[in-house]
N, C-alpha and C. Protein backbone atom coordinates (compact mmCIF):
# COMPACT_ATOMS: atom_id res chain seq x y z
N MET A 1 6.01 -38.14 -40.93
CA MET A 1 6.60 -38.19 -39.61
C MET A 1 6.75 -36.78 -39.02
N ASP A 2 7.09 -35.81 -39.85
CA ASP A 2 7.27 -34.44 -39.40
C ASP A 2 5.97 -33.89 -38.80
N PHE A 3 4.85 -34.23 -39.40
CA PHE A 3 3.54 -33.79 -38.91
C PHE A 3 3.27 -34.35 -37.51
N LEU A 4 3.55 -35.62 -37.31
CA LEU A 4 3.32 -36.25 -36.01
C LEU A 4 4.25 -35.67 -34.94
N GLN A 5 5.46 -35.36 -35.33
CA GLN A 5 6.41 -34.76 -34.39
C GLN A 5 5.92 -33.38 -33.96
N LYS A 6 5.41 -32.59 -34.92
CA LYS A 6 4.89 -31.27 -34.58
C LYS A 6 3.66 -31.37 -33.68
N MET A 7 2.82 -32.35 -33.96
CA MET A 7 1.63 -32.57 -33.13
C MET A 7 2.05 -32.95 -31.70
N SER A 8 3.06 -33.78 -31.57
CA SER A 8 3.55 -34.20 -30.27
C SER A 8 4.12 -33.00 -29.51
N GLU A 9 4.90 -32.16 -30.19
CA GLU A 9 5.47 -30.97 -29.55
C GLU A 9 4.37 -30.00 -29.13
N THR A 10 3.37 -29.84 -29.99
CA THR A 10 2.25 -28.96 -29.67
C THR A 10 1.50 -29.49 -28.45
N ALA A 11 1.29 -30.79 -28.40
CA ALA A 11 0.59 -31.40 -27.27
C ALA A 11 1.38 -31.20 -25.98
N ARG A 12 2.70 -31.36 -26.04
CA ARG A 12 3.54 -31.14 -24.86
C ARG A 12 3.46 -29.68 -24.42
N GLY A 13 3.48 -28.77 -25.40
CA GLY A 13 3.38 -27.34 -25.08
C GLY A 13 2.05 -27.02 -24.42
N LEU A 14 0.98 -27.61 -24.95
CA LEU A 14 -0.34 -27.38 -24.36
C LEU A 14 -0.42 -27.98 -22.96
N GLN A 15 0.18 -29.12 -22.79
CA GLN A 15 0.19 -29.76 -21.48
C GLN A 15 0.92 -28.88 -20.46
N GLU A 16 2.03 -28.30 -20.87
CA GLU A 16 2.79 -27.41 -19.99
C GLU A 16 1.99 -26.16 -19.66
N LYS A 17 1.32 -25.59 -20.66
CA LYS A 17 0.48 -24.40 -20.42
C LYS A 17 -0.66 -24.74 -19.47
N ALA A 18 -1.26 -25.92 -19.64
CA ALA A 18 -2.35 -26.34 -18.75
C ALA A 18 -1.84 -26.49 -17.33
N ARG A 19 -0.64 -27.01 -17.17
CA ARG A 19 -0.04 -27.16 -15.85
C ARG A 19 0.21 -25.77 -15.23
N GLU A 20 0.71 -24.84 -16.04
CA GLU A 20 0.94 -23.48 -15.55
C GLU A 20 -0.37 -22.82 -15.12
N LEU A 21 -1.42 -23.00 -15.93
CA LEU A 21 -2.73 -22.44 -15.58
C LEU A 21 -3.27 -23.07 -14.30
N GLY A 22 -3.05 -24.35 -14.13
CA GLY A 22 -3.47 -25.02 -12.90
C GLY A 22 -2.76 -24.45 -11.69
N ASP A 23 -1.46 -24.20 -11.84
CA ASP A 23 -0.70 -23.61 -10.74
C ASP A 23 -1.19 -22.20 -10.42
N ILE A 24 -1.48 -21.44 -11.47
CA ILE A 24 -1.99 -20.08 -11.27
C ILE A 24 -3.35 -20.13 -10.57
N ALA A 25 -4.20 -21.06 -10.98
CA ALA A 25 -5.51 -21.19 -10.35
C ALA A 25 -5.37 -21.56 -8.88
N LYS A 26 -4.42 -22.43 -8.55
CA LYS A 26 -4.20 -22.79 -7.15
C LYS A 26 -3.76 -21.57 -6.35
N GLU A 27 -2.87 -20.77 -6.93
CA GLU A 27 -2.38 -19.57 -6.24
C GLU A 27 -3.51 -18.56 -6.03
N VAL A 28 -4.35 -18.38 -7.05
CA VAL A 28 -5.49 -17.47 -6.93
C VAL A 28 -6.44 -17.96 -5.84
N THR A 29 -6.68 -19.25 -5.79
CA THR A 29 -7.55 -19.82 -4.77
C THR A 29 -6.96 -19.60 -3.38
N ARG A 30 -5.66 -19.81 -3.23
CA ARG A 30 -5.01 -19.61 -1.94
C ARG A 30 -5.10 -18.14 -1.52
N LYS A 31 -4.82 -17.23 -2.46
CA LYS A 31 -4.86 -15.81 -2.13
C LYS A 31 -6.27 -15.34 -1.79
N SER A 32 -7.27 -15.85 -2.50
CA SER A 32 -8.64 -15.45 -2.19
C SER A 32 -9.06 -16.00 -0.83
N GLY A 33 -8.58 -17.20 -0.49
CA GLY A 33 -8.84 -17.75 0.84
C GLY A 33 -8.19 -16.90 1.92
N ASP A 34 -6.96 -16.46 1.66
CA ASP A 34 -6.26 -15.59 2.61
C ASP A 34 -7.01 -14.26 2.77
N LEU A 35 -7.48 -13.72 1.66
CA LEU A 35 -8.22 -12.45 1.70
C LEU A 35 -9.49 -12.60 2.53
N LEU A 36 -10.20 -13.70 2.33
CA LEU A 36 -11.41 -13.95 3.10
C LEU A 36 -11.08 -14.08 4.58
N GLU A 37 -10.02 -14.79 4.90
CA GLU A 37 -9.61 -14.96 6.30
C GLU A 37 -9.22 -13.62 6.92
N VAL A 38 -8.50 -12.78 6.17
CA VAL A 38 -8.11 -11.46 6.68
C VAL A 38 -9.35 -10.61 6.94
N THR A 39 -10.32 -10.69 6.04
CA THR A 39 -11.56 -9.93 6.22
C THR A 39 -12.28 -10.37 7.49
N LYS A 40 -12.36 -11.66 7.73
CA LYS A 40 -12.99 -12.17 8.95
C LYS A 40 -12.23 -11.70 10.19
N LEU A 41 -10.90 -11.76 10.13
CA LEU A 41 -10.09 -11.33 11.27
C LEU A 41 -10.27 -9.84 11.56
N LYS A 42 -10.31 -9.03 10.50
CA LYS A 42 -10.50 -7.59 10.68
C LYS A 42 -11.87 -7.28 11.27
N TYR A 43 -12.88 -8.03 10.83
CA TYR A 43 -14.22 -7.84 11.39
C TYR A 43 -14.21 -8.16 12.88
N GLU A 44 -13.60 -9.28 13.25
CA GLU A 44 -13.52 -9.67 14.66
C GLU A 44 -12.72 -8.64 15.45
N MET A 45 -11.65 -8.12 14.87
CA MET A 45 -10.84 -7.10 15.55
C MET A 45 -11.68 -5.84 15.77
N SER A 46 -12.45 -5.46 14.79
CA SER A 46 -13.31 -4.28 14.92
C SER A 46 -14.34 -4.48 16.03
N ARG A 47 -14.90 -5.67 16.10
CA ARG A 47 -15.88 -5.97 17.14
C ARG A 47 -15.24 -5.86 18.53
N LEU A 48 -14.03 -6.42 18.67
CA LEU A 48 -13.33 -6.36 19.95
C LEU A 48 -12.95 -4.93 20.32
N GLU A 49 -12.55 -4.13 19.33
CA GLU A 49 -12.19 -2.74 19.59
C GLU A 49 -13.41 -1.95 20.09
N LYS A 50 -14.58 -2.23 19.50
CA LYS A 50 -15.80 -1.56 19.94
C LYS A 50 -16.14 -1.98 21.37
N GLU A 51 -15.98 -3.26 21.68
CA GLU A 51 -16.23 -3.74 23.03
C GLU A 51 -15.27 -3.07 24.02
N MET A 52 -14.02 -2.89 23.58
CA MET A 52 -13.02 -2.24 24.44
C MET A 52 -13.40 -0.77 24.67
N GLU A 53 -13.88 -0.10 23.64
CA GLU A 53 -14.33 1.29 23.79
C GLU A 53 -15.47 1.37 24.80
N ASN A 54 -16.39 0.42 24.72
CA ASN A 54 -17.50 0.40 25.68
C ASN A 54 -17.00 0.17 27.10
N ASN A 55 -16.03 -0.72 27.26
CA ASN A 55 -15.44 -0.96 28.58
C ASN A 55 -14.81 0.31 29.13
N LEU A 56 -14.06 1.00 28.28
CA LEU A 56 -13.37 2.21 28.73
C LEU A 56 -14.37 3.31 29.09
N ALA A 57 -15.45 3.42 28.32
CA ALA A 57 -16.48 4.40 28.65
C ALA A 57 -17.13 4.03 29.98
N GLY A 58 -17.43 2.76 30.16
CA GLY A 58 -18.02 2.30 31.42
C GLY A 58 -17.08 2.51 32.59
N LEU A 59 -15.80 2.29 32.34
CA LEU A 59 -14.79 2.48 33.37
C LEU A 59 -14.76 3.95 33.81
N GLY A 60 -14.82 4.84 32.83
CA GLY A 60 -14.84 6.27 33.16
C GLY A 60 -16.06 6.63 34.00
N THR A 61 -17.20 6.07 33.65
CA THR A 61 -18.43 6.34 34.40
C THR A 61 -18.31 5.84 35.84
N VAL A 62 -17.79 4.62 36.00
CA VAL A 62 -17.68 4.03 37.33
C VAL A 62 -16.66 4.81 38.18
N VAL A 63 -15.55 5.21 37.57
CA VAL A 63 -14.55 5.99 38.32
C VAL A 63 -15.16 7.32 38.75
N TYR A 64 -15.94 7.94 37.89
CA TYR A 64 -16.59 9.20 38.26
C TYR A 64 -17.59 8.98 39.39
N GLN A 65 -18.32 7.85 39.33
CA GLN A 65 -19.24 7.54 40.42
C GLN A 65 -18.49 7.39 41.74
N LYS A 66 -17.33 6.77 41.69
CA LYS A 66 -16.51 6.62 42.90
C LYS A 66 -16.08 7.98 43.41
N PHE A 67 -15.69 8.86 42.49
CA PHE A 67 -15.28 10.22 42.85
C PHE A 67 -16.44 10.96 43.53
N ARG A 68 -17.65 10.71 43.06
CA ARG A 68 -18.84 11.38 43.60
C ARG A 68 -19.30 10.76 44.92
N GLY A 69 -18.64 9.68 45.34
CA GLY A 69 -18.96 9.12 46.64
C GLY A 69 -19.70 7.80 46.61
N ALA A 70 -19.94 7.25 45.45
CA ALA A 70 -20.62 5.96 45.38
C ALA A 70 -19.69 4.91 45.97
N GLY A 71 -20.25 4.04 46.77
CA GLY A 71 -19.43 3.02 47.40
C GLY A 71 -19.49 1.71 46.63
N ASP A 72 -18.59 0.83 46.95
CA ASP A 72 -18.55 -0.53 46.41
C ASP A 72 -18.52 -0.59 44.88
N VAL A 73 -17.68 0.23 44.26
CA VAL A 73 -17.51 0.17 42.80
C VAL A 73 -16.14 -0.40 42.43
N ASP A 74 -15.35 -0.71 43.45
CA ASP A 74 -14.00 -1.22 43.18
C ASP A 74 -14.02 -2.54 42.41
N GLU A 75 -14.97 -3.40 42.72
CA GLU A 75 -15.07 -4.68 42.00
C GLU A 75 -15.38 -4.46 40.52
N GLU A 76 -16.26 -3.51 40.25
CA GLU A 76 -16.63 -3.21 38.86
C GLU A 76 -15.45 -2.59 38.12
N ILE A 77 -14.70 -1.74 38.78
CA ILE A 77 -13.50 -1.15 38.17
C ILE A 77 -12.51 -2.25 37.82
N ASP A 78 -12.29 -3.15 38.76
CA ASP A 78 -11.36 -4.26 38.52
C ASP A 78 -11.84 -5.14 37.37
N ARG A 79 -13.13 -5.45 37.34
CA ARG A 79 -13.69 -6.29 36.27
C ARG A 79 -13.51 -5.64 34.90
N LEU A 80 -13.80 -4.35 34.83
CA LEU A 80 -13.66 -3.64 33.55
C LEU A 80 -12.20 -3.57 33.11
N CYS A 81 -11.29 -3.35 34.06
CA CYS A 81 -9.86 -3.30 33.72
C CYS A 81 -9.37 -4.65 33.23
N GLN A 82 -9.77 -5.72 33.91
CA GLN A 82 -9.37 -7.08 33.49
C GLN A 82 -9.92 -7.40 32.10
N SER A 83 -11.17 -7.07 31.88
CA SER A 83 -11.81 -7.34 30.59
C SER A 83 -11.12 -6.56 29.47
N THR A 84 -10.80 -5.30 29.74
CA THR A 84 -10.14 -4.47 28.74
C THR A 84 -8.74 -5.01 28.43
N SER A 85 -8.03 -5.43 29.44
CA SER A 85 -6.70 -6.00 29.25
C SER A 85 -6.77 -7.27 28.39
N ARG A 86 -7.75 -8.12 28.66
CA ARG A 86 -7.94 -9.34 27.89
C ARG A 86 -8.28 -9.02 26.42
N LEU A 87 -9.10 -8.00 26.23
CA LEU A 87 -9.44 -7.59 24.86
C LEU A 87 -8.22 -7.07 24.11
N GLU A 88 -7.37 -6.32 24.80
CA GLU A 88 -6.13 -5.83 24.17
C GLU A 88 -5.27 -7.00 23.69
N GLU A 89 -5.15 -8.03 24.50
CA GLU A 89 -4.36 -9.21 24.12
C GLU A 89 -4.97 -9.92 22.92
N GLU A 90 -6.29 -10.05 22.92
CA GLU A 90 -6.97 -10.70 21.79
C GLU A 90 -6.78 -9.89 20.50
N ILE A 91 -6.84 -8.58 20.59
CA ILE A 91 -6.66 -7.72 19.43
C ILE A 91 -5.23 -7.85 18.89
N LYS A 92 -4.24 -7.89 19.79
CA LYS A 92 -2.85 -8.07 19.35
C LYS A 92 -2.67 -9.40 18.65
N ALA A 93 -3.29 -10.45 19.17
CA ALA A 93 -3.18 -11.78 18.54
C ALA A 93 -3.81 -11.77 17.15
N LEU A 94 -4.95 -11.12 17.00
CA LEU A 94 -5.59 -11.02 15.69
C LEU A 94 -4.72 -10.23 14.72
N ASP A 95 -4.12 -9.16 15.22
CA ASP A 95 -3.25 -8.34 14.37
C ASP A 95 -2.05 -9.15 13.87
N LEU A 96 -1.49 -9.99 14.72
CA LEU A 96 -0.37 -10.84 14.30
C LEU A 96 -0.81 -11.83 13.23
N GLN A 97 -2.00 -12.40 13.38
CA GLN A 97 -2.53 -13.32 12.36
C GLN A 97 -2.71 -12.60 11.02
N ILE A 98 -3.21 -11.38 11.08
CA ILE A 98 -3.39 -10.60 9.85
C ILE A 98 -2.05 -10.31 9.19
N GLN A 99 -1.06 -9.94 9.99
CA GLN A 99 0.27 -9.64 9.43
C GLN A 99 0.88 -10.87 8.77
N LYS A 100 0.63 -12.06 9.32
CA LYS A 100 1.16 -13.28 8.70
C LYS A 100 0.50 -13.54 7.36
N LEU A 101 -0.79 -13.22 7.25
CA LEU A 101 -1.51 -13.44 6.00
C LEU A 101 -1.26 -12.33 4.98
N GLN A 102 -0.90 -11.15 5.45
CA GLN A 102 -0.65 -10.01 4.58
C GLN A 102 0.73 -9.42 4.89
N PRO A 103 1.78 -10.02 4.37
CA PRO A 103 3.10 -9.45 4.65
C PRO A 103 3.22 -8.05 4.05
N LYS A 104 3.98 -7.23 4.70
CA LYS A 104 4.16 -5.86 4.23
C LYS A 104 4.93 -5.86 2.90
N THR A 105 4.56 -4.92 2.04
CA THR A 105 5.26 -4.80 0.76
C THR A 105 6.56 -4.03 0.98
N LEU A 106 7.53 -4.31 0.13
CA LEU A 106 8.79 -3.58 0.20
C LEU A 106 8.60 -2.17 -0.33
N THR A 107 9.38 -1.25 0.20
CA THR A 107 9.34 0.12 -0.28
C THR A 107 10.72 0.54 -0.76
N CYS A 108 10.71 1.37 -1.78
CA CYS A 108 11.96 1.88 -2.34
C CYS A 108 12.66 2.75 -1.29
N THR A 109 13.96 2.55 -1.15
CA THR A 109 14.71 3.32 -0.16
C THR A 109 14.92 4.77 -0.62
N GLN A 110 14.78 5.02 -1.92
CA GLN A 110 15.00 6.36 -2.46
C GLN A 110 13.72 7.21 -2.48
N CYS A 111 12.67 6.67 -3.18
CA CYS A 111 11.46 7.47 -3.38
C CYS A 111 10.29 7.03 -2.52
N LYS A 112 10.46 5.95 -1.76
CA LYS A 112 9.44 5.42 -0.84
C LYS A 112 8.21 4.85 -1.53
N ALA A 113 8.29 4.55 -2.82
CA ALA A 113 7.18 3.93 -3.55
C ALA A 113 7.11 2.45 -3.19
N ASP A 114 5.88 1.89 -3.22
CA ASP A 114 5.73 0.44 -3.00
C ASP A 114 6.30 -0.31 -4.18
N LEU A 115 7.03 -1.39 -3.89
CA LEU A 115 7.65 -2.20 -4.94
C LEU A 115 6.86 -3.48 -5.14
N PRO A 116 6.75 -3.95 -6.37
CA PRO A 116 6.05 -5.22 -6.60
C PRO A 116 6.89 -6.38 -6.06
N PRO A 117 6.23 -7.47 -5.67
CA PRO A 117 6.99 -8.62 -5.17
C PRO A 117 7.96 -9.15 -6.22
N GLY A 118 9.18 -9.40 -5.82
CA GLY A 118 10.17 -9.97 -6.73
C GLY A 118 10.87 -8.96 -7.62
N GLY A 119 10.48 -7.69 -7.55
CA GLY A 119 11.12 -6.68 -8.38
C GLY A 119 12.55 -6.42 -7.95
N LYS A 120 13.41 -6.18 -8.90
CA LYS A 120 14.82 -5.93 -8.59
C LYS A 120 15.13 -4.43 -8.55
N TYR A 121 14.31 -3.64 -9.26
CA TYR A 121 14.51 -2.20 -9.32
C TYR A 121 13.19 -1.48 -9.16
N CYS A 122 13.23 -0.26 -8.63
CA CYS A 122 12.04 0.56 -8.48
C CYS A 122 11.58 1.02 -9.86
N SER A 123 10.29 0.85 -10.15
CA SER A 123 9.78 1.25 -11.46
C SER A 123 9.56 2.76 -11.54
N PHE A 124 9.70 3.47 -10.44
CA PHE A 124 9.51 4.91 -10.44
C PHE A 124 10.82 5.67 -10.57
N CYS A 125 11.83 5.28 -9.76
CA CYS A 125 13.09 6.03 -9.79
C CYS A 125 14.28 5.21 -10.28
N GLY A 126 14.10 3.89 -10.41
CA GLY A 126 15.16 3.04 -10.94
C GLY A 126 16.17 2.55 -9.92
N ALA A 127 15.99 2.91 -8.66
CA ALA A 127 16.93 2.47 -7.62
C ALA A 127 16.80 0.96 -7.40
N ALA A 128 17.89 0.33 -7.00
CA ALA A 128 17.87 -1.11 -6.71
C ALA A 128 16.95 -1.37 -5.52
N ALA A 129 16.15 -2.42 -5.64
CA ALA A 129 15.22 -2.79 -4.57
C ALA A 129 16.00 -3.39 -3.41
N PRO A 130 15.58 -3.15 -2.17
CA PRO A 130 16.23 -3.80 -1.04
C PRO A 130 15.97 -5.30 -1.09
N ALA A 131 16.90 -6.09 -0.57
CA ALA A 131 16.75 -7.55 -0.57
C ALA A 131 15.61 -7.94 0.36
N GLU A 132 14.78 -8.90 -0.10
CA GLU A 132 13.70 -9.40 0.74
C GLU A 132 14.30 -10.32 1.78
N ASP A 133 13.57 -10.51 2.92
CA ASP A 133 14.02 -11.44 3.94
C ASP A 133 14.17 -12.82 3.35
N GLY A 134 15.24 -13.48 3.66
CA GLY A 134 15.47 -14.84 3.17
C GLY A 134 16.30 -14.87 1.89
N GLU A 135 16.54 -13.72 1.25
CA GLU A 135 17.39 -13.70 0.07
C GLU A 135 18.81 -13.39 0.47
N SER A 136 19.75 -13.87 -0.31
CA SER A 136 21.15 -13.59 0.01
C SER A 136 21.73 -12.54 -0.90
């Protein structure tokens, strides 16, 4: 009977370890999905920033043309300004999405080192970690 009891306990222990590994695998999958999404968002943000740079360069050219006496460039100036403003809003929205997927890490109030998630003390200077949002 003792042998069967040990086998049963071992099986329960293995079952618990398998459950823990499954949970870890789910977390890794979620984090890798988040990383992929952040990479896509950063790529899109970079593309929009480049488009905005082109708008601003074009805007400078058109304003200079107006200064030199070219007529009827006001519509183009307005179009470039509107487009640039819209791009700024899109970039801000992407940045907010990235921040939601990548929350900022806590920093030690004493030595300014990055703290690991859930840490209670700084591993560099030993100071108590600041409370995370949502903790009491």
